[in-house]
């Protein structure tokens, strides 16, 4: 089963994406902001990260740059 991380500061967006992707058979984890997302990326092994661009603390572009560093 593919493991996906959803990083978004809006709970409603995370919930909709989770509902859709779980029905399709994906294992889903969520992060509430960029800092939480970076911590989860470093501690987990994800096949895909879906990331919002505008978030508090750390935006999505910065998160992905740090994740790749």
Protein backbone atom coordinates (compact mmCIF):
# COMPACT_ATOMS: atom_id res chain seq x y z
CA UNK A 1 0.00 0.00 0.00
CA UNK A 2 1.33 3.42 -0.93
CA UNK A 3 1.88 5.84 1.94
CA UNK A 4 0.97 9.52 1.41
CA UNK A 5 1.50 12.60 3.56
CA UNK A 6 -0.97 15.48 3.34
CA UNK A 7 0.45 18.79 4.60
CA UNK A 8 -2.15 21.54 4.89
CA UNK A 9 -3.09 24.03 7.60
CA UNK A 10 -6.80 23.70 6.76
CA UNK A 11 -8.38 20.69 8.46
CA UNK A 12 -11.28 20.57 6.01
CA UNK A 13 -8.90 20.19 3.06
CA UNK A 14 -6.97 17.43 4.83
CA UNK A 15 -10.23 15.64 5.64
CA UNK A 16 -11.52 15.74 2.05
CA UNK A 17 -8.21 14.51 0.63
CA UNK A 18 -7.98 11.77 3.28
CA UNK A 19 -11.52 10.55 2.56
CA UNK A 20 -10.93 10.38 -1.19
CA UNK A 21 -7.50 8.78 -1.03
CA UNK A 22 -8.35 6.20 1.64
CA UNK A 23 -11.24 4.95 -0.52
CA UNK A 24 -8.68 4.47 -3.29
CA UNK A 25 -6.56 2.32 -0.95
CA UNK A 26 -3.81 4.71 0.14
CA UNK A 27 -2.40 4.89 3.68
CA UNK A 28 -2.63 8.53 4.76
CA UNK A 29 -0.81 10.60 7.36
CA UNK A 30 -1.46 14.28 7.97
CA UNK A 31 0.59 17.29 9.04
CA UNK A 32 -0.96 20.56 10.22
CA UNK A 33 1.79 22.90 8.97
CA UNK A 34 5.21 22.98 7.33
CA UNK A 35 7.18 22.30 10.51
CA UNK A 36 5.01 19.29 11.36
CA UNK A 37 5.31 18.11 7.76
CA UNK A 38 9.09 18.34 7.76
CA UNK A 39 9.31 16.35 10.99
CA UNK A 40 7.06 13.64 9.54
CA UNK A 41 8.95 13.54 6.23
CA UNK A 42 12.22 13.00 8.09
CA UNK A 43 10.79 10.27 10.31
CA UNK A 44 8.65 8.46 7.73
CA UNK A 45 8.98 6.87 4.35
CA UNK A 46 6.36 8.39 2.06
CA UNK A 47 5.68 7.61 -1.57
CA UNK A 48 4.10 11.03 -2.11
CA UNK A 49 3.71 14.32 -0.24
CA UNK A 50 0.76 16.58 -1.06
CA UNK A 51 1.63 20.00 0.26
CA UNK A 52 -0.21 23.31 0.46
CA UNK A 53 1.89 26.27 -0.65
CA UNK A 54 0.69 28.98 1.76
CA UNK A 55 0.91 27.86 5.39
CA UNK A 56 1.95 29.47 8.68
CA UNK A 57 5.44 28.94 10.16
CA UNK A 58 6.89 27.44 6.97
CA UNK A 59 5.40 27.61 3.49
CA UNK A 60 5.17 24.62 1.20
CA UNK A 61 8.09 25.58 -1.04
CA UNK A 62 10.40 26.01 1.95
CA UNK A 63 9.20 22.68 3.35
CA UNK A 64 10.03 20.83 0.15
CA UNK A 65 13.42 22.55 -0.17
CA UNK A 66 14.33 21.50 3.38
CA UNK A 67 13.01 17.98 2.82
CA UNK A 68 15.27 17.56 -0.21
CA UNK A 69 18.35 19.02 1.51
